PDB file of N, CA and C in Angstrom:
ATOM      1  N   UNK A   1      -2.802 -15.620   0.801  1.00  0.00           N
ATOM      2  CA  UNK A   1      -3.137 -14.741   1.895  1.00  0.00           C
ATOM      3  C   UNK A   1      -2.559 -13.352   1.603  1.00  0.00           C
ATOM      4  N   UNK A   2      -3.192 -12.351   2.211  1.00  0.00           N
ATOM      5  CA  UNK A   2      -2.686 -10.990   2.067  1.00  0.00           C
ATOM      6  C   UNK A   2      -1.633 -10.682   3.117  1.00  0.00           C
ATOM      7  N   UNK A   3      -0.683  -9.834   2.725  1.00  0.00           N
ATOM      8  CA  UNK A   3       0.383  -9.392   3.624  1.00  0.00           C
ATOM      9  C   UNK A   3       0.564  -7.893   3.476  1.00  0.00           C
ATOM     10  N   UNK A   4       0.822  -7.233   4.607  1.00  0.00           N
ATOM     11  CA  UNK A   4       1.149  -5.809   4.617  1.00  0.00           C
ATOM     12  C   UNK A   4       2.665  -5.688   4.729  1.00  0.00           C
ATOM     13  N   UNK A   5       3.237  -4.926   3.824  1.00  0.00           N
ATOM     14  CA  UNK A   5       4.671  -4.644   3.849  1.00  0.00           C
ATOM     15  C   UNK A   5       4.785  -3.177   4.225  1.00  0.00           C
ATOM     16  N   UNK A   6       5.254  -2.936   5.439  1.00  0.00           N
ATOM     17  CA  UNK A   6       5.316  -1.595   6.013  1.00  0.00           C
ATOM     18  C   UNK A   6       6.778  -1.194   6.098  1.00  0.00           C
ATOM     19  N   UNK A   7       7.131  -0.186   5.328  1.00  0.00           N
ATOM     20  CA  UNK A   7       8.536   0.221   5.233  1.00  0.00           C
ATOM     21  C   UNK A   7       8.719   1.620   5.808  1.00  0.00           C
ATOM     22  N   UNK A   8       9.826   1.809   6.511  1.00  0.00           N
ATOM     23  CA  UNK A   8      10.170   3.111   7.076  1.00  0.00           C
ATOM     24  C   UNK A   8      11.446   3.609   6.409  1.00  0.00           C
ATOM     25  N   UNK A   9      11.382   4.832   5.902  1.00  0.00           N
ATOM     26  CA  UNK A   9      12.525   5.422   5.202  1.00  0.00           C
ATOM     27  C   UNK A   9      13.620   5.882   6.153  1.00  0.00           C
ATOM     28  N   UNK A  10      14.832   5.916   5.636  1.00  0.00           N
ATOM     29  CA  UNK A  10      15.917   6.623   6.302  1.00  0.00           C
ATOM     30  C   UNK A  10      15.622   8.117   6.166  1.00  0.00           C
ATOM     31  N   UNK A  11      16.273   8.942   6.937  1.00  0.00           N
ATOM     32  CA  UNK A  11      16.092  10.386   6.797  1.00  0.00           C
ATOM     33  C   UNK A  11      16.642  10.843   5.447  1.00  0.00           C
ATOM     34  N   UNK A  12      16.005  11.858   4.902  1.00  0.00           N
ATOM     35  CA  UNK A  12      16.442  12.453   3.637  1.00  0.00           C
ATOM     36  C   UNK A  12      16.556  11.421   2.510  1.00  0.00           C
ATOM     37  N   UNK A  13      15.520  10.611   2.374  1.00  0.00           N
ATOM     38  CA  UNK A  13      15.538   9.513   1.401  1.00  0.00           C
ATOM     39  C   UNK A  13      15.104   9.911  -0.010  1.00  0.00           C
ATOM     40  N   UNK A  14      14.651  11.131  -0.202  1.00  0.00           N
ATOM     41  CA  UNK A  14      14.013  11.507  -1.463  1.00  0.00           C
ATOM     42  C   UNK A  14      14.886  11.249  -2.693  1.00  0.00           C
ATOM     43  N   UNK A  15      16.139  11.628  -2.666  1.00  0.00           N
ATOM     44  CA  UNK A  15      16.997  11.420  -3.842  1.00  0.00           C
ATOM     45  C   UNK A  15      17.223   9.931  -4.108  1.00  0.00           C
ATOM     46  N   UNK A  16      17.377   9.148  -3.057  1.00  0.00           N
ATOM     47  CA  UNK A  16      17.529   7.697  -3.228  1.00  0.00           C
ATOM     48  C   UNK A  16      16.259   7.106  -3.830  1.00  0.00           C
ATOM     49  N   UNK A  17      15.103   7.578  -3.359  1.00  0.00           N
ATOM     50  CA  UNK A  17      13.820   7.119  -3.898  1.00  0.00           C
ATOM     51  C   UNK A  17      13.729   7.408  -5.390  1.00  0.00           C
ATOM     52  N   UNK A  18      14.077   8.634  -5.756  1.00  0.00           N
ATOM     53  CA  UNK A  18      13.972   9.026  -7.161  1.00  0.00           C
ATOM     54  C   UNK A  18      14.801   8.114  -8.057  1.00  0.00           C
ATOM     55  N   UNK A  19      15.986   7.749  -7.622  1.00  0.00           N
ATOM     56  CA  UNK A  19      16.859   6.899  -8.426  1.00  0.00           C
ATOM     57  C   UNK A  19      16.337   5.485  -8.603  1.00  0.00           C
ATOM     58  N   UNK A  20      15.694   4.941  -7.576  1.00  0.00           N
ATOM     59  CA  UNK A  20      15.231   3.551  -7.614  1.00  0.00           C
ATOM     60  C   UNK A  20      13.762   3.412  -7.989  1.00  0.00           C
ATOM     61  N   UNK A  21      13.057   4.529  -8.121  1.00  0.00           N
ATOM     62  CA  UNK A  21      11.608   4.494  -8.322  1.00  0.00           C
ATOM     63  C   UNK A  21      11.161   3.719  -9.569  1.00  0.00           C
ATOM     64  N   UNK A  22      11.774   3.887 -10.727  1.00  0.00           N
ATOM     65  CA  UNK A  22      11.294   3.129 -11.900  1.00  0.00           C
ATOM     66  C   UNK A  22      11.306   1.614 -11.675  1.00  0.00           C
ATOM     67  N   UNK A  23      12.364   1.091 -11.092  1.00  0.00           N
ATOM     68  CA  UNK A  23      12.448  -0.354 -10.838  1.00  0.00           C
ATOM     69  C   UNK A  23      11.465  -0.775  -9.745  1.00  0.00           C
ATOM     70  N   UNK A  24      11.300   0.059  -8.730  1.00  0.00           N
ATOM     71  CA  UNK A  24      10.347  -0.212  -7.657  1.00  0.00           C
ATOM     72  C   UNK A  24       8.928  -0.297  -8.232  1.00  0.00           C
ATOM     73  N   UNK A  25       8.555   0.664  -9.055  1.00  0.00           N
ATOM     74  CA  UNK A  25       7.218   0.678  -9.646  1.00  0.00           C
ATOM     75  C   UNK A  25       7.003  -0.487 -10.610  1.00  0.00           C
ATOM     76  N   UNK A  26       8.036  -0.890 -11.313  1.00  0.00           N
ATOM     77  CA  UNK A  26       7.917  -2.022 -12.236  1.00  0.00           C
ATOM     78  C   UNK A  26       7.547  -3.301 -11.493  1.00  0.00           C
ATOM     79  N   UNK A  27       8.129  -3.502 -10.331  1.00  0.00           N
ATOM     80  CA  UNK A  27       7.794  -4.698  -9.529  1.00  0.00           C
ATOM     81  C   UNK A  27       6.352  -4.646  -9.059  1.00  0.00           C
ATOM     82  N   UNK A  28       5.906  -3.457  -8.660  1.00  0.00           N
ATOM     83  CA  UNK A  28       4.515  -3.295  -8.237  1.00  0.00           C
ATOM     84  C   UNK A  28       3.563  -3.519  -9.407  1.00  0.00           C
ATOM     85  N   UNK A  29       3.942  -3.045 -10.569  1.00  0.00           N
ATOM     86  CA  UNK A  29       3.120  -3.239 -11.761  1.00  0.00           C
ATOM     87  C   UNK A  29       2.969  -4.723 -12.078  1.00  0.00           C
ATOM     88  N   UNK A  30       4.028  -5.498 -11.874  1.00  0.00           N
ATOM     89  CA  UNK A  30       3.945  -6.945 -12.085  1.00  0.00           C
ATOM     90  C   UNK A  30       2.933  -7.567 -11.136  1.00  0.00           C
ATOM     91  N   UNK A  31       2.985  -7.185  -9.860  1.00  0.00           N
ATOM     92  CA  UNK A  31       1.987  -7.691  -8.900  1.00  0.00           C
ATOM     93  C   UNK A  31       0.580  -7.306  -9.335  1.00  0.00           C
ATOM     94  N   UNK A  32       0.422  -6.090  -9.813  1.00  0.00           N
ATOM     95  CA  UNK A  32      -0.884  -5.608 -10.274  1.00  0.00           C
ATOM     96  C   UNK A  32      -1.375  -6.449 -11.448  1.00  0.00           C
ATOM     97  N   UNK A  33      -0.516  -6.685 -12.430  1.00  0.00           N
ATOM     98  CA  UNK A  33      -0.898  -7.465 -13.606  1.00  0.00           C
ATOM     99  C   UNK A  33      -1.263  -8.898 -13.238  1.00  0.00           C
ATOM    100  N   UNK A  34      -0.640  -9.415 -12.182  1.00  0.00           N
ATOM    101  CA  UNK A  34      -0.937 -10.764 -11.708  1.00  0.00           C
ATOM    102  C   UNK A  34      -2.198 -10.807 -10.845  1.00  0.00           C
ATOM    103  N   UNK A  35      -2.799  -9.652 -10.586  1.00  0.00           N
ATOM    104  CA  UNK A  35      -4.005  -9.583  -9.768  1.00  0.00           C
ATOM    105  C   UNK A  35      -3.755  -9.768  -8.290  1.00  0.00           C
ATOM    106  N   UNK A  36      -2.523  -9.523  -7.845  1.00  0.00           N
ATOM    107  CA  UNK A  36      -2.151  -9.766  -6.450  1.00  0.00           C
ATOM    108  C   UNK A  36      -1.989  -8.493  -5.632  1.00  0.00           C
ATOM    109  N   UNK A  37      -1.975  -7.336  -6.273  1.00  0.00           N
ATOM    110  CA  UNK A  37      -1.761  -6.073  -5.573  1.00  0.00           C
ATOM    111  C   UNK A  37      -3.095  -5.480  -5.132  1.00  0.00           C
ATOM    112  N   UNK A  38      -3.230  -5.206  -3.841  1.00  0.00           N
ATOM    113  CA  UNK A  38      -4.430  -4.579  -3.291  1.00  0.00           C
ATOM    114  C   UNK A  38      -4.258  -3.073  -3.263  1.00  0.00           C
ATOM    115  N   UNK A  39      -3.125  -2.611  -2.735  1.00  0.00           N
ATOM    116  CA  UNK A  39      -2.809  -1.185  -2.724  1.00  0.00           C
ATOM    117  C   UNK A  39      -1.332  -1.003  -2.451  1.00  0.00           C
ATOM    118  N   UNK A  40      -0.851   0.162  -2.857  1.00  0.00           N
ATOM    119  CA  UNK A  40       0.562   0.490  -2.623  1.00  0.00           C
ATOM    120  C   UNK A  40       0.727   1.996  -2.700  1.00  0.00           C
ATOM    121  N   UNK A  41       1.600   2.510  -1.859  1.00  0.00           N
ATOM    122  CA  UNK A  41       1.895   3.931  -1.918  1.00  0.00           C
ATOM    123  C   UNK A  41       2.780   4.371  -0.778  1.00  0.00           C
ATOM    124  N   UNK A  42       3.313   5.589  -0.911  1.00  0.00           N
ATOM    125  CA  UNK A  42       4.206   6.139   0.108  1.00  0.00           C
ATOM    126  C   UNK A  42       3.447   6.895   1.188  1.00  0.00           C
ATOM    127  N   UNK A  43       4.144   7.137   2.293  1.00  0.00           N
ATOM    128  CA  UNK A  43       3.645   7.984   3.379  1.00  0.00           C
ATOM    129  C   UNK A  43       4.362   9.331   3.259  1.00  0.00           C
ATOM    130  N   UNK A  44       3.679  10.364   2.730  1.00  0.00           N
ATOM    131  CA  UNK A  44       4.324  11.677   2.599  1.00  0.00           C
ATOM    132  C   UNK A  44       4.646  12.278   3.965  1.00  0.00           C
ATOM    133  N   UNK A  45       5.724  13.035   4.013  1.00  0.00           N
ATOM    134  CA  UNK A  45       6.080  13.744   5.238  1.00  0.00           C
ATOM    135  C   UNK A  45       5.133  14.909   5.505  1.00  0.00           C
ATOM    136  N   UNK A  46       4.515  15.446   4.447  1.00  0.00           N
ATOM    137  CA  UNK A  46       3.623  16.598   4.585  1.00  0.00           C
ATOM    138  C   UNK A  46       2.247  16.233   4.035  1.00  0.00           C
ATOM    139  N   UNK A  47       1.224  16.843   4.596  1.00  0.00           N
ATOM    140  CA  UNK A  47      -0.133  16.584   4.112  1.00  0.00           C
ATOM    141  C   UNK A  47      -0.628  17.751   3.257  1.00  0.00           C
ATOM    142  N   UNK A  48       0.188  18.122   2.288  1.00  0.00           N
ATOM    143  CA  UNK A  48      -0.135  19.208   1.379  1.00  0.00           C
ATOM    144  C   UNK A  48       0.028  18.721  -0.058  1.00  0.00           C
ATOM    145  N   UNK A  49      -0.402  19.548  -0.997  1.00  0.00           N
ATOM    146  CA  UNK A  49      -0.306  19.192  -2.413  1.00  0.00           C
ATOM    147  C   UNK A  49       1.142  19.026  -2.870  1.00  0.00           C
ATOM    148  N   UNK A  50       2.078  19.730  -2.221  1.00  0.00           N
ATOM    149  CA  UNK A  50       3.484  19.607  -2.609  1.00  0.00           C
ATOM    150  C   UNK A  50       4.216  18.566  -1.766  1.00  0.00           C
ATOM    151  N   UNK A  51       3.471  17.600  -1.255  1.00  0.00           N
ATOM    152  CA  UNK A  51       4.042  16.559  -0.395  1.00  0.00           C
ATOM    153  C   UNK A  51       5.241  15.851  -1.012  1.00  0.00           C
ATOM    154  N   UNK A  52       5.220  15.510  -2.321  1.00  0.00           N
ATOM    155  CA  UNK A  52       6.392  14.816  -2.874  1.00  0.00           C
ATOM    156  C   UNK A  52       7.696  15.585  -2.707  1.00  0.00           C
ATOM    157  N   UNK A  53       7.640  16.889  -2.747  1.00  0.00           N
ATOM    158  CA  UNK A  53       8.863  17.676  -2.585  1.00  0.00           C
ATOM    159  C   UNK A  53       9.360  17.671  -1.143  1.00  0.00           C
ATOM    160  N   UNK A  54       8.469  17.410  -0.189  1.00  0.00           N
ATOM    161  CA  UNK A  54       8.865  17.353   1.212  1.00  0.00           C
ATOM    162  C   UNK A  54       9.530  16.025   1.561  1.00  0.00           C
ATOM    163  N   UNK A  55       9.278  15.004   0.731  1.00  0.00           N
ATOM    164  CA  UNK A  55       9.839  13.689   0.988  1.00  0.00           C
ATOM    165  C   UNK A  55       8.829  12.745   1.595  1.00  0.00           C
ATOM    166  N   UNK A  56       9.311  11.596   2.018  1.00  0.00           N
ATOM    167  CA  UNK A  56       8.439  10.530   2.499  1.00  0.00           C
ATOM    168  C   UNK A  56       9.031   9.883   3.747  1.00  0.00           C
ATOM    169  N   UNK A  57       8.151   9.326   4.570  1.00  0.00           N
ATOM    170  CA  UNK A  57       8.599   8.651   5.783  1.00  0.00           C
ATOM    171  C   UNK A  57       8.580   7.130   5.632  1.00  0.00           C
ATOM    172  N   UNK A  58       8.007   6.644   4.546  1.00  0.00           N
ATOM    173  CA  UNK A  58       7.929   5.204   4.336  1.00  0.00           C
ATOM    174  C   UNK A  58       6.925   4.848   3.272  1.00  0.00           C
ATOM    175  N   UNK A  59       6.569   3.558   3.220  1.00  0.00           N
ATOM    176  CA  UNK A  59       5.647   3.053   2.204  1.00  0.00           C
ATOM    177  C   UNK A  59       4.812   1.926   2.778  1.00  0.00           C
ATOM    178  N   UNK A  60       3.696   1.668   2.096  1.00  0.00           N
ATOM    179  CA  UNK A  60       2.829   0.544   2.446  1.00  0.00           C
ATOM    180  C   UNK A  60       2.464  -0.193   1.168  1.00  0.00           C
ATOM    181  N   UNK A  61       2.614  -1.505   1.200  1.00  0.00           N
ATOM    182  CA  UNK A  61       2.156  -2.375   0.118  1.00  0.00           C
ATOM    183  C   UNK A  61       1.300  -3.451   0.763  1.00  0.00           C
ATOM    184  N   UNK A  62       0.118  -3.673   0.222  1.00  0.00           N
ATOM    185  CA  UNK A  62      -0.714  -4.798   0.629  1.00  0.00           C
ATOM    186  C   UNK A  62      -0.920  -5.649  -0.616  1.00  0.00           C
ATOM    187  N   UNK A  63      -0.481  -6.903  -0.541  1.00  0.00           N
ATOM    188  CA  UNK A  63      -0.531  -7.782  -1.701  1.00  0.00           C
ATOM    189  C   UNK A  63      -0.683  -9.230  -1.267  1.00  0.00           C
ATOM    190  N   UNK A  64      -1.045 -10.050  -2.225  1.00  0.00           N
ATOM    191  CA  UNK A  64      -1.229 -11.474  -1.972  1.00  0.00           C
ATOM    192  C   UNK A  64       0.065 -12.239  -2.275  1.00  0.00           C
ATOM    193  N   UNK A  65       0.445 -13.090  -1.333  1.00  0.00           N
ATOM    194  CA  UNK A  65       1.603 -13.971  -1.493  1.00  0.00           C
ATOM    195  C   UNK A  65       1.234 -15.357  -0.984  1.00  0.00           C
ATOM    196  N   UNK A  66       1.989 -16.371  -1.380  1.00  0.00           N
ATOM    197  CA  UNK A  66       1.716 -17.743  -0.959  1.00  0.00           C
ATOM    198  C   UNK A  66       2.008 -17.989   0.514  1.00  0.00           C
ATOM    199  N   UNK A  67       2.938 -17.185   1.072  1.00  0.00           N
ATOM    200  CA  UNK A  67       3.337 -17.404   2.463  1.00  0.00           C
ATOM    201  C   UNK A  67       4.017 -16.149   2.998  1.00  0.00           C
ATOM    202  N   UNK A  68       4.205 -16.124   4.305  1.00  0.00           N
ATOM    203  CA  UNK A  68       4.940 -15.033   4.926  1.00  0.00           C
ATOM    204  C   UNK A  68       6.371 -14.989   4.396  1.00  0.00           C
ATOM    205  N   UNK A  69       6.982 -16.150   4.250  1.00  0.00           N
ATOM    206  CA  UNK A  69       8.352 -16.195   3.714  1.00  0.00           C
ATOM    207  C   UNK A  69       8.420 -15.629   2.294  1.00  0.00           C
ATOM    208  N   UNK A  70       7.420 -15.926   1.476  1.00  0.00           N
ATOM    209  CA  UNK A  70       7.401 -15.399   0.111  1.00  0.00           C
ATOM    210  C   UNK A  70       7.240 -13.882   0.123  1.00  0.00           C
ATOM    211  N   UNK A  71       6.396 -13.380   1.010  1.00  0.00           N
ATOM    212  CA  UNK A  71       6.206 -11.930   1.125  1.00  0.00           C
ATOM    213  C   UNK A  71       7.490 -11.257   1.595  1.00  0.00           C
ATOM    214  N   UNK A  72       8.161 -11.865   2.569  1.00  0.00           N
ATOM    215  CA  UNK A  72       9.419 -11.305   3.069  1.00  0.00           C
ATOM    216  C   UNK A  72      10.494 -11.319   1.981  1.00  0.00           C
ATOM    217  N   UNK A  73      10.563 -12.394   1.227  1.00  0.00           N
ATOM    218  CA  UNK A  73      11.550 -12.478   0.143  1.00  0.00           C
ATOM    219  C   UNK A  73      11.297 -11.406  -0.904  1.00  0.00           C
ATOM    220  N   UNK A  74      10.014 -11.206  -1.244  1.00  0.00           N
ATOM    221  CA  UNK A  74       9.673 -10.164  -2.214  1.00  0.00           C
ATOM    222  C   UNK A  74      10.082  -8.797  -1.677  1.00  0.00           C
ATOM    223  N   UNK A  75       9.767  -8.538  -0.411  1.00  0.00           N
ATOM    224  CA  UNK A  75      10.109  -7.246   0.198  1.00  0.00           C
ATOM    225  C   UNK A  75      11.619  -7.041   0.257  1.00  0.00           C
ATOM    226  N   UNK A  76      12.354  -8.074   0.583  1.00  0.00           N
ATOM    227  CA  UNK A  76      13.820  -7.975   0.675  1.00  0.00           C
ATOM    228  C   UNK A  76      14.465  -7.643  -0.673  1.00  0.00           C
ATOM    229  N   UNK A  77      13.798  -8.007  -1.766  1.00  0.00           N
ATOM    230  CA  UNK A  77      14.348  -7.785  -3.104  1.00  0.00           C
ATOM    231  C   UNK A  77      13.917  -6.438  -3.703  1.00  0.00           C
ATOM    232  N   UNK A  78      13.243  -5.613  -2.919  1.00  0.00           N
ATOM    233  CA  UNK A  78      12.772  -4.323  -3.427  1.00  0.00           C
ATOM    234  C   UNK A  78      13.956  -3.426  -3.778  1.00  0.00           C
ATOM    235  N   UNK A  79      13.908  -2.758  -4.918  1.00  0.00           N
ATOM    236  CA  UNK A  79      14.982  -1.836  -5.284  1.00  0.00           C
ATOM    237  C   UNK A  79      15.207  -0.725  -4.259  1.00  0.00           C
ATOM    238  N   UNK A  80      14.179  -0.348  -3.526  1.00  0.00           N
ATOM    239  CA  UNK A  80      14.361   0.653  -2.478  1.00  0.00           C
ATOM    240  C   UNK A  80      15.238   0.117  -1.346  1.00  0.00           C
ATOM    241  N   UNK A  81      15.187  -1.170  -1.089  1.00  0.00           N
ATOM    242  CA  UNK A  81      16.066  -1.784  -0.088  1.00  0.00           C
ATOM    243  C   UNK A  81      17.507  -1.695  -0.579  1.00  0.00           C
ATOM    244  N   UNK A  82      17.720  -2.099  -1.828  1.00  0.00           N
ATOM    245  CA  UNK A  82      19.071  -2.083  -2.401  1.00  0.00           C
ATOM    246  C   UNK A  82      19.641  -0.667  -2.462  1.00  0.00           C
ATOM    247  N   UNK A  83      18.775   0.325  -2.678  1.00  0.00           N
ATOM    248  CA  UNK A  83      19.224   1.713  -2.793  1.00  0.00           C
ATOM    249  C   UNK A  83      19.400   2.397  -1.444  1.00  0.00           C
ATOM    250  N   UNK A  84      19.066   1.704  -0.350  1.00  0.00           N
ATOM    251  CA  UNK A  84      19.218   2.290   0.980  1.00  0.00           C
ATOM    252  C   UNK A  84      18.119   3.264   1.360  1.00  0.00           C
ATOM    253  N   UNK A  85      16.950   3.160   0.702  1.00  0.00           N
ATOM    254  CA  UNK A  85      15.820   4.038   1.024  1.00  0.00           C
ATOM    255  C   UNK A  85      15.217   3.668   2.374  1.00  0.00           C
ATOM    256  N   UNK A  86      15.092   2.382   2.631  1.00  0.00           N
ATOM    257  CA  UNK A  86      14.404   1.914   3.831  1.00  0.00           C
ATOM    258  C   UNK A  86      15.361   1.640   4.986  1.00  0.00           C
ATOM    259  N   UNK A  87      14.998   2.136   6.162  1.00  0.00           N
ATOM    260  CA  UNK A  87      15.725   1.824   7.392  1.00  0.00           C
ATOM    261  C   UNK A  87      15.193   0.538   8.008  1.00  0.00           C
ATOM    262  N   UNK A  88      13.892   0.276   7.784  1.00  0.00           N
ATOM    263  CA  UNK A  88      13.247  -0.886   8.400  1.00  0.00           C
ATOM    264  C   UNK A  88      12.085  -1.327   7.527  1.00  0.00           C
ATOM    265  N   UNK A  89      11.909  -2.645   7.392  1.00  0.00           N
ATOM    266  CA  UNK A  89      10.777  -3.206   6.657  1.00  0.00           C
ATOM    267  C   UNK A  89      10.141  -4.282   7.537  1.00  0.00           C
ATOM    268  N   UNK A  90       8.838  -4.145   7.748  1.00  0.00           N
ATOM    269  CA  UNK A  90       8.077  -5.114   8.526  1.00  0.00           C
ATOM    270  C   UNK A  90       7.050  -5.761   7.609  1.00  0.00           C
ATOM    271  N   UNK A  91       6.953  -7.080   7.657  1.00  0.00           N
ATOM    272  CA  UNK A  91       5.975  -7.808   6.848  1.00  0.00           C
ATOM    273  C   UNK A  91       5.068  -8.573   7.800  1.00  0.00           C
ATOM    274  N   UNK A  92       3.756  -8.360   7.642  1.00  0.00           N
ATOM    275  CA  UNK A  92       2.769  -8.987   8.523  1.00  0.00           C
ATOM    276  C   UNK A  92       1.604  -9.533   7.708  1.00  0.00           C
ATOM    277  N   UNK A  93       1.005 -10.638   8.163  1.00  0.00           N
ATOM    278  CA  UNK A  93      -0.243 -11.069   7.541  1.00  0.00           C
ATOM    279  C   UNK A  93      -1.287  -9.961   7.699  1.00  0.00           C
ATOM    280  N   UNK A  94      -2.175  -9.861   6.714  1.00  0.00           N
ATOM    281  CA  UNK A  94      -3.190  -8.805   6.717  1.00  0.00           C
ATOM    282  C   UNK A  94      -4.538  -9.416   6.365  1.00  0.00           C
ATOM    283  N   UNK A  95      -5.550  -9.069   7.121  1.00  0.00           N
ATOM    284  CA  UNK A  95      -6.910  -9.543   6.859  1.00  0.00           C
ATOM    285  C   UNK A  95      -7.761  -8.362   6.432  1.00  0.00           C
ATOM    286  N   UNK A  96      -8.163  -8.345   5.180  1.00  0.00           N
ATOM    287  CA  UNK A  96      -9.014  -7.286   4.668  1.00  0.00           C
ATOM    288  C   UNK A  96     -10.442  -7.510   5.168  1.00  0.00           C
ATOM    289  N   UNK A  97     -11.000  -6.496   5.826  1.00  0.00           N
ATOM    290  CA  UNK A  97     -12.367  -6.577   6.325  1.00  0.00           C
ATOM    291  C   UNK A  97     -13.286  -5.635   5.528  1.00  0.00           C
ATOM    292  N   UNK A  98     -12.861  -4.424   5.308  1.00  0.00           N
ATOM    293  CA  UNK A  98     -13.644  -3.434   4.569  1.00  0.00           C
ATOM    294  C   UNK A  98     -12.773  -2.738   3.550  1.00  0.00           C
ATOM    295  N   UNK A  99     -13.226  -2.189   2.495  1.00  0.00           N
ATOM    296  CA  UNK A  99     -14.608  -2.374   1.992  1.00  0.00           C
ATOM    297  C   UNK A  99     -14.785  -3.737   1.401  1.00  0.00           C
TER     298      UNK A  99
END
């Protein structure tokens, strides 16, 4: 089943993100190689071309897991969690309708 992992950043998280980003992306790449990743990306604080410099308010990952518990365990092990990037992480079942 698909699950949405909705993460909210702490304030001023950009430097913490930068430090943990390689490990965070490596985990996402593994999901992608396994054919389980639907989409992933951050929520920029600004809607401009220089959005990365403004920072981020959180992230969204939609991926396939065997269960809600498995999705939560994967989310809990995210390097951004360990680095203190996220203030809150919510994991919910997700039903893809379109496209």
